[in-house]
Each structure stands twice: as structure tokens, then as C-alpha cells.
Amino acid sequence: MKNYQYILLDWDGNLAKTLDLWLEACRVPLEKRGLHLSDNEVASCFGMLSERFQEWGITDIEQAIEELHEVAAERMPEVDLYPEVLPVLEKLRMADKKIALVTGTRRAHVLPILDKYNIHHFFDVIVTGEDTERHKPDPQPLEKALELLDGTVEQAVVIGDSDKDIGAANNAGIDSILFFPPEHARFYDRAELEALHPTWIVDDFRQVFNIIHPPVVPRFARAA
């Protein structure tokens, strides 16, 4: 098992419990325009708003996206972190790992939660949607984070919850951990995510630490 040094963490649905928020925020402009879609259909637009809105026949895409972000901005300060995120971040810091937050979300949506939990100091690098021209599953955000960390692909691992995260990791040639707690079945098809062949799959965020920093097992045990 590798001993990873550079940890590239997704934000939405991975550290922050924002998937319900984004689902509800997306519904506002969609239903205003007469589109009543299933949870899975709406969730498919996460990270691909312009593309999906165009497919669904929305003509005023920029206006619809701004309406969505207005709703999200109002509710973002209410967002919680997933259980065990804070202890894992603390352990990663104590293990001298280099940590990057890599998200396609706007910086203005991320900062309120970082402030709420006072967790800025855990991240050596923060790459948001404004920082790159292309977004996950394109590898550019991961490559930018690694460049800022002065890290290598071989020693890096991506942790995320979606096809965008695992796809970006695959495209960058980086190992990946898919975080898929039971409640994510509402948003994603697990079989489709597994078909992307993440290196690891966990349903509890605590499990990522032993993957990233495996315990040392003595080669030889002393006889009693």
C-alpha cells in the first residue's frame, strides 16, 4: 500500500454536506422554467451546469445559473461537514501530509464554511472554480494543485464523491478514493462510479486515513 504525501480533497459531497443544498438550489431555476426532474437527473448537472441546462432547453443559461447561486449563497452558512472530517484533517496534518482543497465551486461559497469551522489552516493550497479555465473531470485543477504543492502524481491521491472527481484523477494519472456513504445513493449511481475504477471506495470518511497513512506492521514478530 502506498504512503501518499499529497492529498487532493474535493469539497461538495466530500468534506461539506452540500449535495442537498445544491439539489434544492438547482431546482429553483429549473422548476421556474417548467422542468420537474428526478433527484438523479438534477444531480447530473453538478459541475456541468451550462452543459446540462443547454441539453434541457434552457435559453437564458447565465440568468438561470445566477438564480441558482443566489439561493446557494443564502443557505451556504448553514452547511455542516461530514462526520469525522475534522479528526481526519487533524490526523493528516499531524502526519505532515500536504493537503489541497480542489473544487469547481465558487470561492465565495466555500469561504463561509471554512470560516464557520475555522479550518483554513488545514489546507496548504485552495483551488476553486475561479482558479482554472477548465474544471473536473478535466485534470487541470488537480495539476494546478500539485504544481502549487510542488508534488508528484506518484505520491498523490484524490478523494472525492463524484464521477467528476474520479474522472479527473484518471485523466491526471492519480490514484483516487471514492467517498460513497449510503445517503449518496440519492444523487449518484454507485455502479456507474465503480465503473470508473477508483483505486479505493469508502463509506466512512474515517477509512481514508488508514489508506493514506497505513499503519506500520513489523516485518518480524518477536517470539513470546
C-alpha atoms as a PDB file:
ATOM      1  CA  MET A   1       0.000   0.000   0.000  1.00  0.00           C
ATOM      2  CA  LYS A   2       1.311   3.458  -0.904  1.00  0.00           C
ATOM      3  CA  ASN A   3       2.142   6.098   1.657  1.00  0.00           C
ATOM      4  CA  TYR A   4       0.600   9.134  -0.040  1.00  0.00           C
ATOM      5  CA  GLN A   5       2.101  12.564   0.631  1.00  0.00           C
ATOM      6  CA  TYR A   6      -0.149  14.896  -1.396  1.00  0.00           C
ATOM      7  CA  ILE A   7      -3.849  14.776  -0.601  1.00  0.00           C
ATOM      8  CA  LEU A   8      -6.227  16.427  -3.096  1.00  0.00           C
ATOM      9  CA  LEU A   9      -9.649  16.814  -1.497  1.00  0.00           C
ATOM     10  CA  ASP A  10     -12.926  17.614  -3.215  1.00  0.00           C
ATOM     11  CA  TRP A  11     -15.318  19.875  -1.303  1.00  0.00           C
ATOM     12  CA  ASP A  12     -19.001  19.328  -2.144  1.00  0.00           C
ATOM     13  CA  GLY A  13     -20.323  15.955  -1.055  1.00  0.00           C
ATOM     14  CA  ASN A  14     -16.907  15.013   0.287  1.00  0.00           C
ATOM     15  CA  LEU A  15     -15.950  17.377   3.097  1.00  0.00           C
ATOM     16  CA  ALA A  16     -19.061  19.557   3.139  1.00  0.00           C
ATOM     17  CA  LYS A  17     -22.619  18.196   3.208  1.00  0.00           C
ATOM     18  CA  THR A  18     -23.787  20.398   0.355  1.00  0.00           C
ATOM     19  CA  LEU A  19     -25.447  17.940  -2.017  1.00  0.00           C
ATOM     20  CA  ASP A  20     -28.952  18.551  -0.634  1.00  0.00           C
ATOM     21  CA  LEU A  21     -28.352  22.287  -0.798  1.00  0.00           C
ATOM     22  CA  TRP A  22     -27.208  22.141  -4.433  1.00  0.00           C
ATOM     23  CA  LEU A  23     -30.128  19.868  -5.326  1.00  0.00           C
ATOM     24  CA  GLU A  24     -32.623  22.359  -3.933  1.00  0.00           C
ATOM     25  CA  ALA A  25     -30.783  25.352  -5.415  1.00  0.00           C
ATOM     26  CA  CYS A  26     -30.738  23.735  -8.862  1.00  0.00           C
ATOM     27  CA  ARG A  27     -34.457  23.034  -8.701  1.00  0.00           C
ATOM     28  CA  VAL A  28     -35.313  26.734  -8.304  1.00  0.00           C
ATOM     29  CA  PRO A  29     -34.339  27.891 -11.824  1.00  0.00           C
ATOM     30  CA  LEU A  30     -35.334  24.541 -13.350  1.00  0.00           C
ATOM     31  CA  GLU A  31     -38.859  24.487 -11.949  1.00  0.00           C
ATOM     32  CA  LYS A  32     -39.252  28.210 -12.667  1.00  0.00           C
ATOM     33  CA  ARG A  33     -38.750  27.202 -16.307  1.00  0.00           C
ATOM     34  CA  GLY A  34     -41.162  24.273 -16.142  1.00  0.00           C
ATOM     35  CA  LEU A  35     -38.608  21.476 -15.666  1.00  0.00           C
ATOM     36  CA  HIS A  36     -39.524  18.963 -12.961  1.00  0.00           C
ATOM     37  CA  LEU A  37     -36.740  16.375 -12.825  1.00  0.00           C
ATOM     38  CA  SER A  38     -35.767  13.459 -10.577  1.00  0.00           C
ATOM     39  CA  ASP A  39     -33.039  13.796  -7.958  1.00  0.00           C
ATOM     40  CA  ASN A  40     -30.600  11.806 -10.102  1.00  0.00           C
ATOM     41  CA  GLU A  41     -31.354  13.942 -13.149  1.00  0.00           C
ATOM     42  CA  VAL A  42     -30.815  17.169 -11.239  1.00  0.00           C
ATOM     43  CA  ALA A  43     -27.660  15.805  -9.606  1.00  0.00           C
ATOM     44  CA  SER A  44     -26.246  15.074 -13.058  1.00  0.00           C
ATOM     45  CA  CYS A  45     -25.808  18.818 -13.567  1.00  0.00           C
ATOM     46  CA  PHE A  46     -23.467  19.202 -10.565  1.00  0.00           C
ATOM     47  CA  GLY A  47     -20.268  20.574 -12.022  1.00  0.00           C
ATOM     48  CA  MET A  48     -21.814  20.734 -15.505  1.00  0.00           C
ATOM     49  CA  LEU A  49     -24.474  23.422 -15.192  1.00  0.00           C
ATOM     50  CA  SER A  50     -24.082  25.050 -18.606  1.00  0.00           C
ATOM     51  CA  GLU A  51     -23.933  21.742 -20.459  1.00  0.00           C
ATOM     52  CA  ARG A  52     -26.968  20.219 -18.750  1.00  0.00           C
ATOM     53  CA  PHE A  53     -29.053  23.403 -18.865  1.00  0.00           C
ATOM     54  CA  GLN A  54     -28.428  23.608 -22.591  1.00  0.00           C
ATOM     55  CA  GLU A  55     -29.430  19.955 -23.043  1.00  0.00           C
ATOM     56  CA  TRP A  56     -32.662  20.660 -21.147  1.00  0.00           C
ATOM     57  CA  GLY A  57     -33.540  23.514 -23.492  1.00  0.00           C
ATOM     58  CA  ILE A  58     -32.866  26.461 -21.188  1.00  0.00           C
ATOM     59  CA  THR A  59     -32.111  29.526 -23.289  1.00  0.00           C
ATOM     60  CA  ASP A  60     -31.170  32.057 -20.585  1.00  0.00           C
ATOM     61  CA  ILE A  61     -28.453  29.857 -19.100  1.00  0.00           C
ATOM     62  CA  GLU A  62     -26.413  32.587 -17.417  1.00  0.00           C
ATOM     63  CA  GLN A  63     -29.501  34.015 -15.695  1.00  0.00           C
ATOM     64  CA  ALA A  64     -30.562  30.544 -14.536  1.00  0.00           C
ATOM     65  CA  ILE A  65     -27.109  29.859 -13.092  1.00  0.00           C
ATOM     66  CA  GLU A  66     -27.089  33.174 -11.219  1.00  0.00           C
ATOM     67  CA  GLU A  67     -30.505  32.395  -9.738  1.00  0.00           C
ATOM     68  CA  LEU A  68     -29.128  29.071  -8.563  1.00  0.00           C
ATOM     69  CA  HIS A  69     -26.076  30.680  -6.949  1.00  0.00           C
ATOM     70  CA  GLU A  70     -28.206  33.284  -5.174  1.00  0.00           C
ATOM     71  CA  VAL A  71     -30.179  30.509  -3.488  1.00  0.00           C
ATOM     72  CA  ALA A  72     -26.987  28.629  -2.621  1.00  0.00           C
ATOM     73  CA  ALA A  73     -25.305  31.710  -1.153  1.00  0.00           C
ATOM     74  CA  GLU A  74     -28.217  32.288   1.222  1.00  0.00           C
ATOM     75  CA  ARG A  75     -28.063  28.751   2.614  1.00  0.00           C
ATOM     76  CA  MET A  76     -24.345  28.040   2.490  1.00  0.00           C
ATOM     77  CA  PRO A  77     -23.594  29.233   6.056  1.00  0.00           C
ATOM     78  CA  GLU A  78     -25.977  26.520   7.341  1.00  0.00           C
ATOM     79  CA  VAL A  79     -23.934  23.693   5.818  1.00  0.00           C
ATOM     80  CA  ASP A  80     -22.268  21.088   8.043  1.00  0.00           C
ATOM     81  CA  LEU A  81     -19.168  18.991   7.462  1.00  0.00           C
ATOM     82  CA  TYR A  82     -19.421  15.217   7.179  1.00  0.00           C
ATOM     83  CA  PRO A  83     -18.817  13.359  10.439  1.00  0.00           C
ATOM     84  CA  GLU A  84     -15.142  12.640  11.134  1.00  0.00           C
ATOM     85  CA  VAL A  85     -13.850  15.155   8.582  1.00  0.00           C
ATOM     86  CA  LEU A  86     -12.246  17.326  11.251  1.00  0.00           C
ATOM     87  CA  PRO A  87     -10.452  14.467  13.053  1.00  0.00           C
ATOM     88  CA  VAL A  88      -9.146  13.119   9.738  1.00  0.00           C
ATOM     89  CA  LEU A  89      -7.867  16.542   8.690  1.00  0.00           C
ATOM     90  CA  GLU A  90      -6.131  16.850  12.056  1.00  0.00           C
ATOM     91  CA  LYS A  91      -4.506  13.436  11.639  1.00  0.00           C
ATOM     92  CA  LEU A  92      -3.360  14.270   8.114  1.00  0.00           C
ATOM     93  CA  ARG A  93      -1.793  17.485   9.355  1.00  0.00           C
ATOM     94  CA  MET A  94      -0.070  15.680  12.225  1.00  0.00           C
ATOM     95  CA  ALA A  95       1.273  13.137   9.714  1.00  0.00           C
ATOM     96  CA  ASP A  96       2.858  16.013   7.746  1.00  0.00           C
ATOM     97  CA  LYS A  97       0.754  15.447   4.643  1.00  0.00           C
ATOM     98  CA  LYS A  98       0.400  18.266   2.128  1.00  0.00           C
ATOM     99  CA  ILE A  99      -3.287  18.991   1.608  1.00  0.00           C
ATOM    100  CA  ALA A 100      -5.093  20.769  -1.221  1.00  0.00           C
ATOM    101  CA  LEU A 101      -8.773  21.619  -1.448  1.00  0.00           C
ATOM    102  CA  VAL A 102      -9.743  21.305  -5.120  1.00  0.00           C
ATOM    103  CA  THR A 103     -13.283  22.273  -6.098  1.00  0.00           C
ATOM    104  CA  GLY A 104     -15.215  23.673  -9.008  1.00  0.00           C
ATOM    105  CA  THR A 105     -17.374  25.636  -6.571  1.00  0.00           C
ATOM    106  CA  ARG A 106     -17.015  29.391  -6.330  1.00  0.00           C
ATOM    107  CA  ARG A 107     -14.658  30.646  -3.625  1.00  0.00           C
ATOM    108  CA  ALA A 108     -17.473  32.777  -2.177  1.00  0.00           C
ATOM    109  CA  HIS A 109     -19.455  29.603  -1.433  1.00  0.00           C
ATOM    110  CA  VAL A 110     -16.537  27.780   0.200  1.00  0.00           C
ATOM    111  CA  LEU A 111     -15.167  30.526   2.463  1.00  0.00           C
ATOM    112  CA  PRO A 112     -18.227  30.813   4.755  1.00  0.00           C
ATOM    113  CA  ILE A 113     -17.911  27.162   5.772  1.00  0.00           C
ATOM    114  CA  LEU A 114     -14.142  27.374   6.182  1.00  0.00           C
ATOM    115  CA  ASP A 115     -14.803  30.365   8.438  1.00  0.00           C
ATOM    116  CA  LYS A 116     -17.588  28.599  10.316  1.00  0.00           C
ATOM    117  CA  TYR A 117     -15.348  25.680  11.260  1.00  0.00           C
ATOM    118  CA  ASN A 118     -12.051  27.621  11.297  1.00  0.00           C
ATOM    119  CA  ILE A 119     -10.351  25.044   9.074  1.00  0.00           C
ATOM    120  CA  HIS A 120      -8.374  27.245   6.653  1.00  0.00           C
ATOM    121  CA  HIS A 121      -5.110  26.162   8.259  1.00  0.00           C
ATOM    122  CA  PHE A 122      -5.551  22.536   7.234  1.00  0.00           C
ATOM    123  CA  PHE A 123      -5.115  23.395   3.555  1.00  0.00           C
ATOM    124  CA  ASP A 124      -1.756  24.259   2.050  1.00  0.00           C
ATOM    125  CA  VAL A 125      -3.498  25.113  -1.223  1.00  0.00           C
ATOM    126  CA  ILE A 126      -7.076  26.002  -2.192  1.00  0.00           C
ATOM    127  CA  VAL A 127      -8.087  25.757  -5.858  1.00  0.00           C
ATOM    128  CA  THR A 128     -11.652  26.874  -6.630  1.00  0.00           C
ATOM    129  CA  GLY A 129     -13.733  27.269  -9.763  1.00  0.00           C
ATOM    130  CA  GLU A 130     -12.291  30.699 -10.498  1.00  0.00           C
ATOM    131  CA  ASP A 131      -8.701  29.472 -10.490  1.00  0.00           C
ATOM    132  CA  THR A 132      -8.681  27.335 -13.642  1.00  0.00           C
ATOM    133  CA  GLU A 133     -10.109  27.674 -17.131  1.00  0.00           C
ATOM    134  CA  ARG A 134     -11.222  24.037 -17.184  1.00  0.00           C
ATOM    135  CA  HIS A 135     -12.857  22.024 -14.453  1.00  0.00           C
ATOM    136  CA  LYS A 136     -13.086  18.393 -13.331  1.00  0.00           C
ATOM    137  CA  PRO A 137     -13.199  15.848 -14.960  1.00  0.00           C
ATOM    138  CA  ASP A 138     -10.519  17.768 -16.841  1.00  0.00           C
ATOM    139  CA  PRO A 139      -7.243  17.220 -14.940  1.00  0.00           C
ATOM    140  CA  GLN A 140      -6.270  20.917 -14.926  1.00  0.00           C
ATOM    141  CA  PRO A 141      -7.468  21.690 -11.355  1.00  0.00           C
ATOM    142  CA  LEU A 142      -5.570  18.692  -9.955  1.00  0.00           C
ATOM    143  CA  GLU A 143      -2.466  19.550 -11.946  1.00  0.00           C
ATOM    144  CA  LYS A 144      -2.593  23.143 -10.687  1.00  0.00           C
ATOM    145  CA  ALA A 145      -2.922  21.961  -7.084  1.00  0.00           C
ATOM    146  CA  LEU A 146       0.033  19.588  -7.444  1.00  0.00           C
ATOM    147  CA  GLU A 147       2.100  22.323  -9.036  1.00  0.00           C
ATOM    148  CA  LEU A 148       1.368  24.664  -6.117  1.00  0.00           C
ATOM    149  CA  LEU A 149       2.189  21.874  -3.649  1.00  0.00           C
ATOM    150  CA  ASP A 150       5.355  21.016  -5.579  1.00  0.00           C
ATOM    151  CA  GLY A 151       4.037  17.462  -5.530  1.00  0.00           C
ATOM    152  CA  THR A 152       4.170  14.439  -7.813  1.00  0.00           C
ATOM    153  CA  VAL A 153       1.474  12.330  -9.421  1.00  0.00           C
ATOM    154  CA  GLU A 154       3.019   9.161  -7.974  1.00  0.00           C
ATOM    155  CA  GLN A 155       2.703  10.394  -4.382  1.00  0.00           C
ATOM    156  CA  ALA A 156      -0.736  11.979  -4.750  1.00  0.00           C
ATOM    157  CA  VAL A 157      -4.265  10.753  -4.144  1.00  0.00           C
ATOM    158  CA  VAL A 158      -7.606  12.361  -4.982  1.00  0.00           C
ATOM    159  CA  ILE A 159     -10.548  11.988  -2.591  1.00  0.00           C
ATOM    160  CA  GLY A 160     -13.992  12.793  -3.944  1.00  0.00           C
ATOM    161  CA  ASP A 161     -17.583  11.693  -4.270  1.00  0.00           C
ATOM    162  CA  SER A 162     -18.469  12.082  -7.930  1.00  0.00           C
ATOM    163  CA  ASP A 163     -17.683  10.946 -11.443  1.00  0.00           C
ATOM    164  CA  LYS A 164     -16.034  14.365 -11.980  1.00  0.00           C
ATOM    165  CA  ASP A 165     -13.522  13.675  -9.199  1.00  0.00           C
ATOM    166  CA  ILE A 166     -12.675  10.115 -10.208  1.00  0.00           C
ATOM    167  CA  GLY A 167     -12.630  11.069 -13.881  1.00  0.00           C
ATOM    168  CA  ALA A 168     -10.210  13.941 -13.189  1.00  0.00           C
ATOM    169  CA  ALA A 169      -7.974  11.615 -11.177  1.00  0.00           C
ATOM    170  CA  ASN A 170      -7.972   9.078 -14.019  1.00  0.00           C
ATOM    171  CA  ASN A 171      -7.203  11.778 -16.565  1.00  0.00           C
ATOM    172  CA  ALA A 172      -4.326  13.055 -14.433  1.00  0.00           C
ATOM    173  CA  GLY A 173      -2.945   9.564 -13.728  1.00  0.00           C
ATOM    174  CA  ILE A 174      -3.507   9.935  -9.977  1.00  0.00           C
ATOM    175  CA  ASP A 175      -4.837   7.322  -7.550  1.00  0.00           C
ATOM    176  CA  SER A 176      -8.309   8.018  -6.155  1.00  0.00           C
ATOM    177  CA  ILE A 177     -10.572   7.312  -3.207  1.00  0.00           C
ATOM    178  CA  LEU A 178     -14.320   7.391  -3.856  1.00  0.00           C
ATOM    179  CA  PHE A 179     -16.280   8.547  -0.795  1.00  0.00           C
ATOM    180  CA  PHE A 180     -19.742   6.973  -1.052  1.00  0.00           C
ATOM    181  CA  PRO A 181     -21.763   6.977   2.176  1.00  0.00           C
ATOM    182  CA  PRO A 182     -25.243   5.392   1.961  1.00  0.00           C
ATOM    183  CA  GLU A 183     -27.035   8.732   1.527  1.00  0.00           C
ATOM    184  CA  HIS A 184     -25.180   9.377  -1.730  1.00  0.00           C
ATOM    185  CA  ALA A 185     -27.339   6.757  -3.473  1.00  0.00           C
ATOM    186  CA  ARG A 186     -29.935   9.515  -3.760  1.00  0.00           C
ATOM    187  CA  PHE A 187     -27.631  11.506  -6.004  1.00  0.00           C
ATOM    188  CA  TYR A 188     -25.354   9.033  -7.786  1.00  0.00           C
ATOM    189  CA  ASP A 189     -25.455   5.571  -9.328  1.00  0.00           C
ATOM    190  CA  ARG A 190     -22.803   3.600  -7.453  1.00  0.00           C
ATOM    191  CA  ALA A 191     -22.336   1.110 -10.296  1.00  0.00           C
ATOM    192  CA  GLU A 192     -21.542   3.953 -12.693  1.00  0.00           C
ATOM    193  CA  LEU A 193     -18.965   5.335 -10.256  1.00  0.00           C
ATOM    194  CA  GLU A 194     -17.414   1.906  -9.705  1.00  0.00           C
ATOM    195  CA  ALA A 195     -17.114   1.538 -13.496  1.00  0.00           C
ATOM    196  CA  LEU A 196     -14.599   4.413 -13.388  1.00  0.00           C
ATOM    197  CA  HIS A 197     -12.346   2.147 -11.292  1.00  0.00           C
ATOM    198  CA  PRO A 198     -11.418   4.331  -8.326  1.00  0.00           C
ATOM    199  CA  THR A 199      -8.394   2.915  -6.530  1.00  0.00           C
ATOM    200  CA  TRP A 200     -10.363   2.704  -3.280  1.00  0.00           C
ATOM    201  CA  ILE A 201     -14.005   3.051  -2.171  1.00  0.00           C
ATOM    202  CA  VAL A 202     -15.011   4.034   1.377  1.00  0.00           C
ATOM    203  CA  ASP A 203     -18.374   4.685   3.018  1.00  0.00           C
ATOM    204  CA  ASP A 204     -16.988   6.337   6.159  1.00  0.00           C
ATOM    205  CA  PHE A 205     -14.558   9.237   5.948  1.00  0.00           C
ATOM    206  CA  ARG A 206     -12.507   7.799   8.814  1.00  0.00           C
ATOM    207  CA  GLN A 207     -11.400   4.999   6.496  1.00  0.00           C
ATOM    208  CA  VAL A 208      -9.381   7.337   4.298  1.00  0.00           C
ATOM    209  CA  PHE A 209      -6.654   7.899   6.892  1.00  0.00           C
ATOM    210  CA  ASN A 210      -5.506   4.266   7.011  1.00  0.00           C
ATOM    211  CA  ILE A 211      -5.401   4.260   3.212  1.00  0.00           C
ATOM    212  CA  ILE A 212      -3.372   7.458   3.073  1.00  0.00           C
ATOM    213  CA  HIS A 213      -1.153   6.651   6.043  1.00  0.00           C
ATOM    214  CA  PRO A 214      -1.157   2.867   6.510  1.00  0.00           C
ATOM    215  CA  PRO A 215      -0.058   1.585   9.890  1.00  0.00           C
ATOM    216  CA  VAL A 216       3.436   0.130  10.049  1.00  0.00           C
ATOM    217  CA  VAL A 217       3.387  -3.637  10.514  1.00  0.00           C
ATOM    218  CA  PRO A 218       6.610  -5.160  11.898  1.00  0.00           C
ATOM    219  CA  ARG A 219       8.205  -7.498   9.387  1.00  0.00           C
ATOM    220  CA  PHE A 220       9.116  -9.976  12.080  1.00  0.00           C
ATOM    221  CA  ALA A 221       7.310 -10.519  15.333  1.00  0.00           C
ATOM    222  CA  ARG A 222       9.394 -11.435  18.378  1.00  0.00           C
ATOM    223  CA  ALA A 223       8.565 -14.845  19.749  1.00  0.00           C
ATOM    224  CA  ALA A 224       6.945 -14.909  23.183  1.00  0.00           C
END
